[in-house]
Amino acid sequence: MLHVVHHVDYMAPAPTRGSFRFDKYMLVMVALRESGIAMTEHAPDPMPRTWLEAVHCPDYVEQVFAAQVSREKERRIGFPVTPHIAQRVAHTNGGTWLAAQLAFRHGYAANSAAGSHHALYDTGAGYCVFNDLAVCANRLIGERKAQRVLIVDCDVHQGDGTAALTAGREDIFTLSIHAEKNFPVRKARSTLDIALPDGTGDDEYLATLEAHLPRVLDAFGPDIVLYQAGVDPHENDRLGRLALTDEGLQRRDSYVVREARGRGLPIASALGGGYGTDPRVVAERHARSMIAMARENMRHRGSSGTNCRILEPPQRQSPDSASSIH
């Protein structure tokens, strides 16, 4: 069973400026529904503003919800921030949060959007408005649903925003595996950065992942894994510089889930990047990624129940007591 989080607001009209396309988010769900995999769809609530403001500058959060983001910041983001976009990013952030809650119950769950790892404290960047990974990790810890959160980022671009927003925290570990020469030009410092040369293929990529992920899991001891499962390391991606095949991406995603679930850890994925001239092809790539992870999770559930180390949180905190990660 694939538990996938989706909301109608994930779609947005074509932007008046910039080249980003939102149609892939609908097409991902079409591909999943047509795949035949057993699937339950879940609709998220919007992320409360207090939790967004615990990570991002409150003035910037207000600019987004008032649709008054400066043209300079919109250029960094890559599209205008309209009222629809404001509602969209509230729901995509809520979607990663809901996927984490579902992962605690089912072992694995996917958000069909988000993975917005370039968003910074007071601005968005690189098609990212709010950083759902940092927001979710902070809320998990703030509400005592987890004591330690591991963010694994396998997008072709470094998770610079996530690294910057969580810098100095001992309870959040950021692992970024990315193309060395790709965006952003100025990299941030993750807890562990692994920069790959152009043209890295399946076997080299998987060997690198196998060399680092198990030791990070064992040394850090997280309570949950948040996984940025971008498919832009694909050899045909328009913005990528690596050379993974369809099979290589599925091997990557199955391996990440296997390592987490084999240790009894819940894992929630966010969609991440994927770019091409045909949005259907990219959407199918994302869908295959989620299906591979769900099937790996089902193998673990089939062998030993949910096999999920769930923390019993104390009485839930109000968002008014949100932890700040600054």
C-alpha atoms as a PDB file:
ATOM      1  CA  MET A   1       0.000   0.000   0.000  1.00  0.00           C
ATOM      2  CA  LEU A   2       1.268   3.418  -0.968  1.00  0.00           C
ATOM      3  CA  HIS A   3       0.128   6.222   1.325  1.00  0.00           C
ATOM      4  CA  VAL A   4       0.457   9.420  -0.695  1.00  0.00           C
ATOM      5  CA  VAL A   5      -0.361  12.978   0.340  1.00  0.00           C
ATOM      6  CA  HIS A   6      -1.909  15.225  -2.301  1.00  0.00           C
ATOM      7  CA  HIS A   7      -4.022  18.377  -2.437  1.00  0.00           C
ATOM      8  CA  VAL A   8      -5.799  20.166  -5.252  1.00  0.00           C
ATOM      9  CA  ASP A   9      -3.838  23.312  -4.342  1.00  0.00           C
ATOM     10  CA  TYR A  10      -0.599  21.582  -5.376  1.00  0.00           C
ATOM     11  CA  MET A  11      -1.559  22.642  -8.871  1.00  0.00           C
ATOM     12  CA  ALA A  12      -1.262  26.293  -9.848  1.00  0.00           C
ATOM     13  CA  PRO A  13      -1.928  28.302 -13.016  1.00  0.00           C
ATOM     14  CA  ALA A  14       1.005  28.702 -15.367  1.00  0.00           C
ATOM     15  CA  PRO A  15       3.135  31.569 -14.041  1.00  0.00           C
ATOM     16  CA  THR A  16       3.187  34.849 -15.934  1.00  0.00           C
ATOM     17  CA  ARG A  17       6.957  35.016 -15.503  1.00  0.00           C
ATOM     18  CA  GLY A  18       9.536  32.229 -15.353  1.00  0.00           C
ATOM     19  CA  SER A  19       9.678  28.752 -16.872  1.00  0.00           C
ATOM     20  CA  PHE A  20       8.552  26.571 -13.947  1.00  0.00           C
ATOM     21  CA  ARG A  21       5.676  24.185 -14.720  1.00  0.00           C
ATOM     22  CA  PHE A  22       3.160  23.000 -12.130  1.00  0.00           C
ATOM     23  CA  ASP A  23       1.375  20.497 -14.370  1.00  0.00           C
ATOM     24  CA  LYS A  24       3.676  17.650 -13.351  1.00  0.00           C
ATOM     25  CA  TYR A  25       2.027  17.509  -9.914  1.00  0.00           C
ATOM     26  CA  MET A  26      -1.297  16.506 -11.464  1.00  0.00           C
ATOM     27  CA  LEU A  27       0.447  14.151 -13.875  1.00  0.00           C
ATOM     28  CA  VAL A  28       2.275  12.392 -11.020  1.00  0.00           C
ATOM     29  CA  MET A  29      -1.078  11.484  -9.497  1.00  0.00           C
ATOM     30  CA  VAL A  30      -2.405  10.372 -12.884  1.00  0.00           C
ATOM     31  CA  ALA A  31       0.608   8.080 -13.299  1.00  0.00           C
ATOM     32  CA  LEU A  32       0.177   6.650  -9.793  1.00  0.00           C
ATOM     33  CA  ARG A  33      -3.545   6.022 -10.274  1.00  0.00           C
ATOM     34  CA  GLU A  34      -2.908   4.317 -13.608  1.00  0.00           C
ATOM     35  CA  SER A  35      -0.072   2.158 -12.247  1.00  0.00           C
ATOM     36  CA  GLY A  36      -2.370  -0.276 -10.462  1.00  0.00           C
ATOM     37  CA  ILE A  37      -0.536  -0.031  -7.135  1.00  0.00           C
ATOM     38  CA  ALA A  38      -2.752  -0.202  -4.038  1.00  0.00           C
ATOM     39  CA  MET A  39      -2.879   3.384  -2.868  1.00  0.00           C
ATOM     40  CA  THR A  40      -4.585   5.617  -0.323  1.00  0.00           C
ATOM     41  CA  GLU A  41      -4.634   9.366  -0.930  1.00  0.00           C
ATOM     42  CA  HIS A  42      -4.539  11.792   1.987  1.00  0.00           C
ATOM     43  CA  ALA A  43      -5.262  15.537   1.863  1.00  0.00           C
ATOM     44  CA  PRO A  44      -3.162  17.744   4.153  1.00  0.00           C
ATOM     45  CA  ASP A  45      -4.151  20.752   6.199  1.00  0.00           C
ATOM     46  CA  PRO A  46      -2.098  23.901   5.576  1.00  0.00           C
ATOM     47  CA  MET A  47       0.961  24.280   7.770  1.00  0.00           C
ATOM     48  CA  PRO A  48       0.129  26.742  10.596  1.00  0.00           C
ATOM     49  CA  ARG A  49       1.915  30.042  10.130  1.00  0.00           C
ATOM     50  CA  THR A  50       3.495  29.814  13.577  1.00  0.00           C
ATOM     51  CA  TRP A  51       5.521  26.802  12.483  1.00  0.00           C
ATOM     52  CA  LEU A  52       6.539  28.524   9.244  1.00  0.00           C
ATOM     53  CA  GLU A  53       7.625  31.570  11.259  1.00  0.00           C
ATOM     54  CA  ALA A  54       9.668  29.352  13.577  1.00  0.00           C
ATOM     55  CA  VAL A  55      11.935  28.652  10.593  1.00  0.00           C
ATOM     56  CA  HIS A  56      11.475  31.603   8.236  1.00  0.00           C
ATOM     57  CA  CYS A  57      11.558  35.335   8.889  1.00  0.00           C
ATOM     58  CA  PRO A  58       8.028  36.382   9.982  1.00  0.00           C
ATOM     59  CA  ASP A  59       8.219  39.414   7.680  1.00  0.00           C
ATOM     60  CA  TYR A  60       8.951  37.153   4.712  1.00  0.00           C
ATOM     61  CA  VAL A  61       6.109  34.793   5.686  1.00  0.00           C
ATOM     62  CA  GLU A  62       3.755  37.784   5.770  1.00  0.00           C
ATOM     63  CA  GLN A  63       5.007  38.915   2.349  1.00  0.00           C
ATOM     64  CA  VAL A  64       4.175  35.489   0.919  1.00  0.00           C
ATOM     65  CA  PHE A  65       0.658  35.323   2.365  1.00  0.00           C
ATOM     66  CA  ALA A  66      -0.051  38.915   1.354  1.00  0.00           C
ATOM     67  CA  ALA A  67       1.326  38.169  -2.156  1.00  0.00           C
ATOM     68  CA  GLN A  68       3.684  41.117  -1.744  1.00  0.00           C
ATOM     69  CA  VAL A  69       7.031  39.420  -2.327  1.00  0.00           C
ATOM     70  CA  SER A  70       9.499  41.768  -4.004  1.00  0.00           C
ATOM     71  CA  ARG A  71      10.394  41.283  -7.655  1.00  0.00           C
ATOM     72  CA  GLU A  72      13.985  40.598  -6.623  1.00  0.00           C
ATOM     73  CA  LYS A  73      12.896  37.709  -4.397  1.00  0.00           C
ATOM     74  CA  GLU A  74      10.473  36.460  -7.040  1.00  0.00           C
ATOM     75  CA  ARG A  75      13.373  36.337  -9.501  1.00  0.00           C
ATOM     76  CA  ARG A  76      15.307  34.189  -7.018  1.00  0.00           C
ATOM     77  CA  ILE A  77      12.284  31.935  -6.577  1.00  0.00           C
ATOM     78  CA  GLY A  78      11.658  31.658 -10.310  1.00  0.00           C
ATOM     79  CA  PHE A  79       7.971  32.626 -10.489  1.00  0.00           C
ATOM     80  CA  PRO A  80       5.579  35.262  -9.088  1.00  0.00           C
ATOM     81  CA  VAL A  81       4.177  34.619  -5.614  1.00  0.00           C
ATOM     82  CA  THR A  82       0.419  34.976  -6.105  1.00  0.00           C
ATOM     83  CA  PRO A  83      -2.370  34.287  -3.569  1.00  0.00           C
ATOM     84  CA  HIS A  84      -2.728  30.813  -5.123  1.00  0.00           C
ATOM     85  CA  ILE A  85       0.983  30.158  -4.659  1.00  0.00           C
ATOM     86  CA  ALA A  86       0.702  31.245  -1.013  1.00  0.00           C
ATOM     87  CA  GLN A  87      -2.047  28.674  -0.408  1.00  0.00           C
ATOM     88  CA  ARG A  88      -0.113  26.097  -2.402  1.00  0.00           C
ATOM     89  CA  VAL A  89       3.034  26.331  -0.301  1.00  0.00           C
ATOM     90  CA  ALA A  90       1.017  26.290   2.929  1.00  0.00           C
ATOM     91  CA  HIS A  91      -0.452  22.970   1.787  1.00  0.00           C
ATOM     92  CA  THR A  92       2.790  21.489   0.434  1.00  0.00           C
ATOM     93  CA  ASN A  93       4.444  22.175   3.792  1.00  0.00           C
ATOM     94  CA  GLY A  94       1.457  20.635   5.514  1.00  0.00           C
ATOM     95  CA  GLY A  95       1.833  17.716   3.135  1.00  0.00           C
ATOM     96  CA  THR A  96       5.350  16.844   4.254  1.00  0.00           C
ATOM     97  CA  TRP A  97       4.172  17.079   7.861  1.00  0.00           C
ATOM     98  CA  LEU A  98       1.245  14.725   7.145  1.00  0.00           C
ATOM     99  CA  ALA A  99       3.535  12.313   5.285  1.00  0.00           C
ATOM    100  CA  ALA A 100       5.741  12.143   8.392  1.00  0.00           C
ATOM    101  CA  GLN A 101       2.715  11.366  10.578  1.00  0.00           C
ATOM    102  CA  LEU A 102       1.616   8.641   8.161  1.00  0.00           C
ATOM    103  CA  ALA A 103       5.139   7.220   8.112  1.00  0.00           C
ATOM    104  CA  PHE A 104       4.990   6.741  11.888  1.00  0.00           C
ATOM    105  CA  ARG A 105       1.875   4.613  11.372  1.00  0.00           C
ATOM    106  CA  HIS A 106       2.690   2.809   8.132  1.00  0.00           C
ATOM    107  CA  GLY A 107       6.483   2.843   7.847  1.00  0.00           C
ATOM    108  CA  TYR A 108       6.613   4.921   4.662  1.00  0.00           C
ATOM    109  CA  ALA A 109       4.515   7.689   3.134  1.00  0.00           C
ATOM    110  CA  ALA A 110       5.059  10.144   0.284  1.00  0.00           C
ATOM    111  CA  ASN A 111       4.239  13.771  -0.296  1.00  0.00           C
ATOM    112  CA  SER A 112       3.446  14.254  -3.997  1.00  0.00           C
ATOM    113  CA  ALA A 113       5.044  17.716  -3.933  1.00  0.00           C
ATOM    114  CA  ALA A 114       7.554  19.766  -1.902  1.00  0.00           C
ATOM    115  CA  GLY A 115      11.160  18.928  -1.089  1.00  0.00           C
ATOM    116  CA  SER A 116      11.756  22.691  -1.288  1.00  0.00           C
ATOM    117  CA  HIS A 117      15.338  22.600  -0.109  1.00  0.00           C
ATOM    118  CA  HIS A 118      16.574  25.927  -1.517  1.00  0.00           C
ATOM    119  CA  ALA A 119      14.282  28.203   0.516  1.00  0.00           C
ATOM    120  CA  LEU A 120      16.249  30.330   2.999  1.00  0.00           C
ATOM    121  CA  TYR A 121      15.400  32.318   6.121  1.00  0.00           C
ATOM    122  CA  ASP A 122      14.096  35.484   4.485  1.00  0.00           C
ATOM    123  CA  THR A 123      13.654  34.529   0.850  1.00  0.00           C
ATOM    124  CA  GLY A 124      12.828  31.693  -1.450  1.00  0.00           C
ATOM    125  CA  ALA A 125      15.121  30.475  -4.215  1.00  0.00           C
ATOM    126  CA  GLY A 126      15.335  27.871  -6.943  1.00  0.00           C
ATOM    127  CA  TYR A 127      11.565  27.261  -7.285  1.00  0.00           C
ATOM    128  CA  CYS A 128      11.243  26.974  -3.488  1.00  0.00           C
ATOM    129  CA  VAL A 129       9.187  29.365  -1.319  1.00  0.00           C
ATOM    130  CA  PHE A 130       9.164  27.761   2.162  1.00  0.00           C
ATOM    131  CA  ASN A 131      11.489  24.945   3.236  1.00  0.00           C
ATOM    132  CA  ASP A 132       9.124  22.102   4.114  1.00  0.00           C
ATOM    133  CA  LEU A 133      11.965  19.786   5.182  1.00  0.00           C
ATOM    134  CA  ALA A 134      13.315  22.206   7.800  1.00  0.00           C
ATOM    135  CA  VAL A 135       9.801  23.211   8.887  1.00  0.00           C
ATOM    136  CA  CYS A 136       8.723  19.594   9.323  1.00  0.00           C
ATOM    137  CA  ALA A 137      11.908  18.574  11.150  1.00  0.00           C
ATOM    138  CA  ASN A 138      11.595  21.509  13.539  1.00  0.00           C
ATOM    139  CA  ARG A 139       7.927  20.796  14.233  1.00  0.00           C
ATOM    140  CA  LEU A 140       8.581  17.091  14.832  1.00  0.00           C
ATOM    141  CA  ILE A 141      11.089  18.029  17.499  1.00  0.00           C
ATOM    142  CA  GLY A 142       9.054  20.950  18.826  1.00  0.00           C
ATOM    143  CA  GLU A 143       5.992  18.733  19.307  1.00  0.00           C
ATOM    144  CA  ARG A 144       8.176  15.963  20.755  1.00  0.00           C
ATOM    145  CA  LYS A 145       7.229  13.462  18.108  1.00  0.00           C
ATOM    146  CA  ALA A 146      10.945  12.911  17.501  1.00  0.00           C
ATOM    147  CA  GLN A 147      14.155  13.744  19.301  1.00  0.00           C
ATOM    148  CA  ARG A 148      16.458  13.473  16.289  1.00  0.00           C
ATOM    149  CA  VAL A 149      15.603  13.877  12.593  1.00  0.00           C
ATOM    150  CA  LEU A 150      17.755  12.842   9.642  1.00  0.00           C
ATOM    151  CA  ILE A 151      17.174  14.658   6.346  1.00  0.00           C
ATOM    152  CA  VAL A 152      18.553  12.706   3.389  1.00  0.00           C
ATOM    153  CA  ASP A 153      18.680  14.814   0.229  1.00  0.00           C
ATOM    154  CA  CYS A 154      19.378  13.010  -3.046  1.00  0.00           C
ATOM    155  CA  ASP A 155      18.280  15.797  -5.377  1.00  0.00           C
ATOM    156  CA  VAL A 156      20.913  16.647  -8.000  1.00  0.00           C
ATOM    157  CA  HIS A 157      21.192  20.125  -6.443  1.00  0.00           C
ATOM    158  CA  GLN A 158      22.633  20.666  -2.972  1.00  0.00           C
ATOM    159  CA  GLY A 159      20.078  21.251  -0.221  1.00  0.00           C
ATOM    160  CA  ASP A 160      21.626  24.586   0.641  1.00  0.00           C
ATOM    161  CA  GLY A 161      18.556  26.115   2.267  1.00  0.00           C
ATOM    162  CA  THR A 162      17.967  23.114   4.499  1.00  0.00           C
ATOM    163  CA  ALA A 163      21.624  23.135   5.531  1.00  0.00           C
ATOM    164  CA  ALA A 164      21.574  26.854   6.331  1.00  0.00           C
ATOM    165  CA  LEU A 165      18.301  26.735   8.256  1.00  0.00           C
ATOM    166  CA  THR A 166      19.399  23.824  10.443  1.00  0.00           C
ATOM    167  CA  ALA A 167      23.062  24.780  10.874  1.00  0.00           C
ATOM    168  CA  GLY A 168      24.380  24.215  14.380  1.00  0.00           C
ATOM    169  CA  ARG A 169      21.561  21.940  15.496  1.00  0.00           C
ATOM    170  CA  GLU A 170      22.629  18.662  17.021  1.00  0.00           C
ATOM    171  CA  ASP A 171      19.128  17.167  16.726  1.00  0.00           C
ATOM    172  CA  ILE A 172      18.843  17.556  12.933  1.00  0.00           C
ATOM    173  CA  PHE A 173      21.366  15.915  10.586  1.00  0.00           C
ATOM    174  CA  THR A 174      21.472  16.955   6.919  1.00  0.00           C
ATOM    175  CA  LEU A 175      23.011  14.606   4.351  1.00  0.00           C
ATOM    176  CA  SER A 176      23.195  15.982   0.816  1.00  0.00           C
ATOM    177  CA  ILE A 177      24.385  13.936  -2.173  1.00  0.00           C
ATOM    178  CA  HIS A 178      24.497  16.195  -5.222  1.00  0.00           C
ATOM    179  CA  ALA A 179      26.323  17.187  -8.397  1.00  0.00           C
ATOM    180  CA  GLU A 180      29.389  19.208  -7.463  1.00  0.00           C
ATOM    181  CA  LYS A 181      29.163  21.686 -10.341  1.00  0.00           C
ATOM    182  CA  ASN A 182      25.409  22.243 -10.326  1.00  0.00           C
ATOM    183  CA  PHE A 183      23.230  24.933  -8.713  1.00  0.00           C
ATOM    184  CA  PRO A 184      23.726  26.613  -6.295  1.00  0.00           C
ATOM    185  CA  VAL A 185      27.105  28.063  -7.193  1.00  0.00           C
ATOM    186  CA  ARG A 186      27.790  28.896  -3.548  1.00  0.00           C
ATOM    187  CA  LYS A 187      27.127  25.792  -1.518  1.00  0.00           C
ATOM    188  CA  ALA A 188      26.082  25.841   2.127  1.00  0.00           C
ATOM    189  CA  ARG A 189      27.553  23.398   4.637  1.00  0.00           C
ATOM    190  CA  SER A 190      25.376  20.380   5.377  1.00  0.00           C
ATOM    191  CA  THR A 191      26.232  18.089   8.254  1.00  0.00           C
ATOM    192  CA  LEU A 192      27.628  15.852   5.511  1.00  0.00           C
ATOM    193  CA  ASP A 193      28.002  16.902   1.878  1.00  0.00           C
ATOM    194  CA  ILE A 194      28.910  14.440  -0.850  1.00  0.00           C
ATOM    195  CA  ALA A 195      29.633  16.213  -4.139  1.00  0.00           C
ATOM    196  CA  LEU A 196      29.689  13.998  -7.227  1.00  0.00           C
ATOM    197  CA  PRO A 197      31.456  14.672 -10.538  1.00  0.00           C
ATOM    198  CA  ASP A 198      29.507  15.237 -13.736  1.00  0.00           C
ATOM    199  CA  GLY A 199      28.350  12.051 -15.408  1.00  0.00           C
ATOM    200  CA  THR A 200      28.262   9.871 -12.284  1.00  0.00           C
ATOM    201  CA  GLY A 201      26.241   6.780 -13.173  1.00  0.00           C
ATOM    202  CA  ASP A 202      24.233   4.132 -11.364  1.00  0.00           C
ATOM    203  CA  ASP A 203      26.957   1.964  -9.888  1.00  0.00           C
ATOM    204  CA  GLU A 204      29.178   4.818  -8.685  1.00  0.00           C
ATOM    205  CA  TYR A 205      26.196   6.628  -7.200  1.00  0.00           C
ATOM    206  CA  LEU A 206      24.906   3.558  -5.348  1.00  0.00           C
ATOM    207  CA  ALA A 207      28.385   2.723  -4.078  1.00  0.00           C
ATOM    208  CA  THR A 208      28.678   6.246  -2.668  1.00  0.00           C
ATOM    209  CA  LEU A 209      25.275   5.997  -0.998  1.00  0.00           C
ATOM    210  CA  GLU A 210      26.142   2.594   0.460  1.00  0.00           C
ATOM    211  CA  ALA A 211      29.419   3.961   1.816  1.00  0.00           C
ATOM    212  CA  HIS A 212      27.787   6.788   3.762  1.00  0.00           C
ATOM    213  CA  LEU A 213      24.096   6.277   4.564  1.00  0.00           C
ATOM    214  CA  PRO A 214      24.408   3.248   6.889  1.00  0.00           C
ATOM    215  CA  ARG A 215      27.100   4.854   9.027  1.00  0.00           C
ATOM    216  CA  VAL A 216      25.112   8.096   9.290  1.00  0.00           C
ATOM    217  CA  LEU A 217      22.012   6.189  10.372  1.00  0.00           C
ATOM    218  CA  ASP A 218      23.949   4.207  12.949  1.00  0.00           C
ATOM    219  CA  ALA A 219      26.038   7.072  14.313  1.00  0.00           C
ATOM    220  CA  PHE A 220      23.289   9.716  14.453  1.00  0.00           C
ATOM    221  CA  GLY A 221      20.456   7.442  15.566  1.00  0.00           C
ATOM    222  CA  PRO A 222      17.450   9.361  14.167  1.00  0.00           C
ATOM    223  CA  ASP A 223      13.830   8.690  15.102  1.00  0.00           C
ATOM    224  CA  ILE A 224      12.595   9.420  11.577  1.00  0.00           C
ATOM    225  CA  VAL A 225      14.057  10.031   8.124  1.00  0.00           C
ATOM    226  CA  LEU A 226      12.826  12.792   5.832  1.00  0.00           C
ATOM    227  CA  TYR A 227      13.875  11.970   2.268  1.00  0.00           C
ATOM    228  CA  GLN A 228      14.185  14.503  -0.557  1.00  0.00           C
ATOM    229  CA  ALA A 229      13.715  12.092  -3.467  1.00  0.00           C
ATOM    230  CA  GLY A 230      14.391  14.364  -6.444  1.00  0.00           C
ATOM    231  CA  VAL A 231      14.630  12.505  -9.748  1.00  0.00           C
ATOM    232  CA  ASP A 232      16.823  15.135 -11.397  1.00  0.00           C
ATOM    233  CA  PRO A 233      20.004  13.005 -11.123  1.00  0.00           C
ATOM    234  CA  HIS A 234      18.508  11.203 -14.161  1.00  0.00           C
ATOM    235  CA  GLU A 235      20.687  11.120 -17.258  1.00  0.00           C
ATOM    236  CA  ASN A 236      18.027  12.928 -19.339  1.00  0.00           C
ATOM    237  CA  ASP A 237      17.072  15.592 -16.813  1.00  0.00           C
ATOM    238  CA  ARG A 238      17.111  19.114 -18.229  1.00  0.00           C
ATOM    239  CA  LEU A 239      18.818  20.609 -15.150  1.00  0.00           C
ATOM    240  CA  GLY A 240      20.891  17.663 -13.972  1.00  0.00           C
ATOM    241  CA  ARG A 241      24.542  16.805 -14.537  1.00  0.00           C
ATOM    242  CA  LEU A 242      24.532  13.186 -13.367  1.00  0.00           C
ATOM    243  CA  ALA A 243      23.701  10.060 -15.351  1.00  0.00           C
ATOM    244  CA  LEU A 244      21.393   7.780 -13.391  1.00  0.00           C
ATOM    245  CA  THR A 245      19.031   5.583 -15.389  1.00  0.00           C
ATOM    246  CA  ASP A 246      15.421   4.790 -14.499  1.00  0.00           C
ATOM    247  CA  GLU A 247      16.663   1.576 -12.910  1.00  0.00           C
ATOM    248  CA  GLY A 248      19.360   3.462 -11.001  1.00  0.00           C
ATOM    249  CA  LEU A 249      16.864   5.889  -9.488  1.00  0.00           C
ATOM    250  CA  GLN A 250      14.663   3.016  -8.344  1.00  0.00           C
ATOM    251  CA  ARG A 251      17.660   1.208  -6.874  1.00  0.00           C
ATOM    252  CA  ARG A 252      18.602   4.405  -5.034  1.00  0.00           C
ATOM    253  CA  ASP A 253      15.140   4.918  -3.587  1.00  0.00           C
ATOM    254  CA  SER A 254      14.655   1.280  -2.622  1.00  0.00           C
ATOM    255  CA  TYR A 255      18.024   1.319  -0.882  1.00  0.00           C
ATOM    256  CA  VAL A 256      17.257   4.433   1.179  1.00  0.00           C
ATOM    257  CA  VAL A 257      13.948   2.955   2.341  1.00  0.00           C
ATOM    258  CA  ARG A 258      15.547  -0.450   3.000  1.00  0.00           C
ATOM    259  CA  GLU A 259      18.241   1.052   5.206  1.00  0.00           C
ATOM    260  CA  ALA A 260      15.726   3.118   7.188  1.00  0.00           C
ATOM    261  CA  ARG A 261      13.078   0.423   7.542  1.00  0.00           C
ATOM    262  CA  GLY A 262      15.645  -2.245   8.322  1.00  0.00           C
ATOM    263  CA  ARG A 263      16.449  -0.218  11.439  1.00  0.00           C
ATOM    264  CA  GLY A 264      12.791   0.180  12.322  1.00  0.00           C
ATOM    265  CA  LEU A 265      12.705   3.830  11.285  1.00  0.00           C
ATOM    266  CA  PRO A 266       9.757   5.560   9.621  1.00  0.00           C
ATOM    267  CA  ILE A 267      10.595   7.406   6.419  1.00  0.00           C
ATOM    268  CA  ALA A 268       8.653  10.135   4.623  1.00  0.00           C
ATOM    269  CA  SER A 269       9.577  11.323   1.150  1.00  0.00           C
ATOM    270  CA  ALA A 270       9.039  14.651  -0.573  1.00  0.00           C
ATOM    271  CA  LEU A 271       8.931  14.870  -4.367  1.00  0.00           C
ATOM    272  CA  GLY A 272      11.944  17.067  -5.094  1.00  0.00           C
ATOM    273  CA  GLY A 273      13.232  18.139  -8.476  1.00  0.00           C
ATOM    274  CA  GLY A 274      12.692  16.694 -11.909  1.00  0.00           C
ATOM    275  CA  TYR A 275      12.803  18.677 -15.146  1.00  0.00           C
ATOM    276  CA  GLY A 276      12.277  17.981 -18.823  1.00  0.00           C
ATOM    277  CA  THR A 277      10.546  19.072 -21.984  1.00  0.00           C
ATOM    278  CA  ASP A 278       7.748  16.502 -21.534  1.00  0.00           C
ATOM    279  CA  PRO A 279       6.130  16.791 -18.080  1.00  0.00           C
ATOM    280  CA  ARG A 280       4.512  13.360 -18.479  1.00  0.00           C
ATOM    281  CA  VAL A 281       7.879  11.667 -18.711  1.00  0.00           C
ATOM    282  CA  VAL A 282       9.113  13.486 -15.597  1.00  0.00           C
ATOM    283  CA  ALA A 283       5.875  12.728 -13.736  1.00  0.00           C
ATOM    284  CA  GLU A 284       6.189   9.020 -14.539  1.00  0.00           C
ATOM    285  CA  ARG A 285       9.756   9.120 -13.226  1.00  0.00           C
ATOM    286  CA  HIS A 286       8.496  10.538  -9.905  1.00  0.00           C
ATOM    287  CA  ALA A 287       5.680   7.974  -9.783  1.00  0.00           C
ATOM    288  CA  ARG A 288       8.080   5.063 -10.305  1.00  0.00           C
ATOM    289  CA  SER A 289      10.220   6.475  -7.501  1.00  0.00           C
ATOM    290  CA  MET A 290       7.313   6.438  -5.032  1.00  0.00           C
ATOM    291  CA  ILE A 291       6.168   3.000  -6.162  1.00  0.00           C
ATOM    292  CA  ALA A 292       9.669   1.572  -5.636  1.00  0.00           C
ATOM    293  CA  MET A 293       9.772   2.997  -2.113  1.00  0.00           C
ATOM    294  CA  ALA A 294       6.284   1.733  -1.272  1.00  0.00           C
ATOM    295  CA  ARG A 295       7.127  -1.765  -2.481  1.00  0.00           C
ATOM    296  CA  GLU A 296      10.310  -1.799  -0.413  1.00  0.00           C
ATOM    297  CA  ASN A 297       8.298  -0.725   2.619  1.00  0.00           C
ATOM    298  CA  MET A 298       5.734  -3.472   1.946  1.00  0.00           C
ATOM    299  CA  ARG A 299       8.511  -6.060   1.993  1.00  0.00           C
ATOM    300  CA  HIS A 300       9.461  -4.946   5.489  1.00  0.00           C
ATOM    301  CA  ARG A 301       5.860  -4.800   6.675  1.00  0.00           C
ATOM    302  CA  GLY A 302       5.231  -8.243   5.251  1.00  0.00           C
ATOM    303  CA  SER A 303       8.177  -9.753   7.103  1.00  0.00           C
ATOM    304  CA  SER A 304       7.697  -8.168  10.532  1.00  0.00           C
ATOM    305  CA  GLY A 305       4.508  -6.118  10.837  1.00  0.00           C
ATOM    306  CA  THR A 306       5.038  -2.404  10.734  1.00  0.00           C
ATOM    307  CA  ASN A 307       8.573  -2.789  12.167  1.00  0.00           C
ATOM    308  CA  CYS A 308       8.405   0.888  13.048  1.00  0.00           C
ATOM    309  CA  ARG A 309       9.979   2.461  16.123  1.00  0.00           C
ATOM    310  CA  ILE A 310       7.282   4.927  17.144  1.00  0.00           C
ATOM    311  CA  LEU A 311       7.876   7.418  19.908  1.00  0.00           C
ATOM    312  CA  GLU A 312       4.916   8.103  22.171  1.00  0.00           C
ATOM    313  CA  PRO A 313       4.865  11.902  22.411  1.00  0.00           C
ATOM    314  CA  PRO A 314       3.791  13.739  25.549  1.00  0.00           C
ATOM    315  CA  GLN A 315       0.777  16.029  25.424  1.00  0.00           C
ATOM    316  CA  ARG A 316       0.844  17.850  22.113  1.00  0.00           C
ATOM    317  CA  GLN A 317       2.208  21.379  22.202  1.00  0.00           C
ATOM    318  CA  SER A 318       0.367  24.326  20.735  1.00  0.00           C
ATOM    319  CA  PRO A 319       1.928  25.929  17.649  1.00  0.00           C
ATOM    320  CA  ASP A 320       2.256  29.032  19.834  1.00  0.00           C
ATOM    321  CA  SER A 321       5.138  27.252  21.586  1.00  0.00           C
ATOM    322  CA  ALA A 322       6.890  26.451  18.311  1.00  0.00           C
ATOM    323  CA  SER A 323      10.611  25.921  18.569  1.00  0.00           C
ATOM    324  CA  SER A 324      12.755  28.348  16.643  1.00  0.00           C
ATOM    325  CA  ILE A 325      15.721  26.954  14.763  1.00  0.00           C
ATOM    326  CA  HIS A 326      17.720  30.170  15.004  1.00  0.00           C
END
